[in-house]
């Protein structure tokens, strides 16, 4: 299942970041998805398949 995502979307992932936040902003698209934690601003690159499995819900759309 392909999820339609855009830069600027805010998503909620299934597991929290070590800082305690579940919300991430999409900052890069491609084979890898770049996400930025909304609480501590840490940036992470995830392979698209891993990202799509971990997404729980869209908090807001760009």
Protein backbone atom coordinates (compact mmCIF):
# COMPACT_ATOMS: atom_id res chain seq x y z
CA UNK A 1 0.00 0.00 0.00
CA UNK A 2 1.48 3.34 -1.07
CA UNK A 3 0.81 6.31 1.21
CA UNK A 4 0.51 9.73 -0.43
CA UNK A 5 2.81 12.06 1.51
CA UNK A 6 4.10 15.59 0.90
CA UNK A 7 6.84 17.71 2.40
CA UNK A 8 5.45 19.53 5.41
CA UNK A 9 3.00 16.79 6.48
CA UNK A 10 2.99 15.98 10.20
CA UNK A 11 2.66 12.27 10.97
CA UNK A 12 2.34 10.23 14.13
CA UNK A 13 4.52 7.11 14.33
CA UNK A 14 3.78 3.94 16.29
CA UNK A 15 6.78 4.13 18.65
CA UNK A 16 7.90 7.30 20.43
CA UNK A 17 11.24 9.01 19.85
CA UNK A 18 13.51 8.78 22.93
CA UNK A 19 12.56 12.41 23.74
CA UNK A 20 8.93 11.23 24.15
CA UNK A 21 7.35 12.71 21.01
CA UNK A 22 5.25 10.71 18.55
CA UNK A 23 4.92 13.54 15.97
CA UNK A 24 7.27 14.00 13.01
CA UNK A 25 7.41 16.44 10.08
CA UNK A 26 8.25 15.20 6.56
CA UNK A 27 11.31 17.11 5.30
CA UNK A 28 12.58 14.92 2.41
CA UNK A 29 10.97 12.57 -0.12
CA UNK A 30 12.48 9.91 -2.35
CA UNK A 31 13.64 6.33 -1.83
CA UNK A 32 14.37 7.44 1.74
CA UNK A 33 11.99 9.61 3.75
CA UNK A 34 13.50 12.37 5.88
CA UNK A 35 11.59 13.16 9.06
CA UNK A 36 12.18 15.71 11.83
CA UNK A 37 10.99 15.28 15.43
CA UNK A 38 8.55 18.02 16.42
CA UNK A 39 9.82 18.17 20.02
CA UNK A 40 13.64 17.99 19.85
CA UNK A 41 14.09 18.75 16.08
CA UNK A 42 16.27 15.62 15.53
CA UNK A 43 16.37 14.53 11.86
CA UNK A 44 16.20 10.88 10.75
CA UNK A 45 16.25 9.14 7.34
CA UNK A 46 14.09 6.03 6.98
CA UNK A 47 13.70 3.74 3.96
CA UNK A 48 10.24 4.26 2.42
CA UNK A 49 9.03 0.73 3.31
CA UNK A 50 10.01 1.11 6.95
CA UNK A 51 8.40 4.56 7.14
CA UNK A 52 5.11 3.29 5.66
CA UNK A 53 4.96 0.45 8.21
CA UNK A 54 5.60 2.82 11.14
CA UNK A 55 3.07 5.54 10.25
CA UNK A 56 0.04 5.45 12.52
CA UNK A 57 -1.89 8.57 11.49
CA UNK A 58 -1.61 11.99 9.82
CA UNK A 59 -1.76 14.83 12.35
CA UNK A 60 -1.91 17.54 9.65
CA UNK A 61 -1.46 17.79 5.90
CA UNK A 62 0.72 20.35 4.14
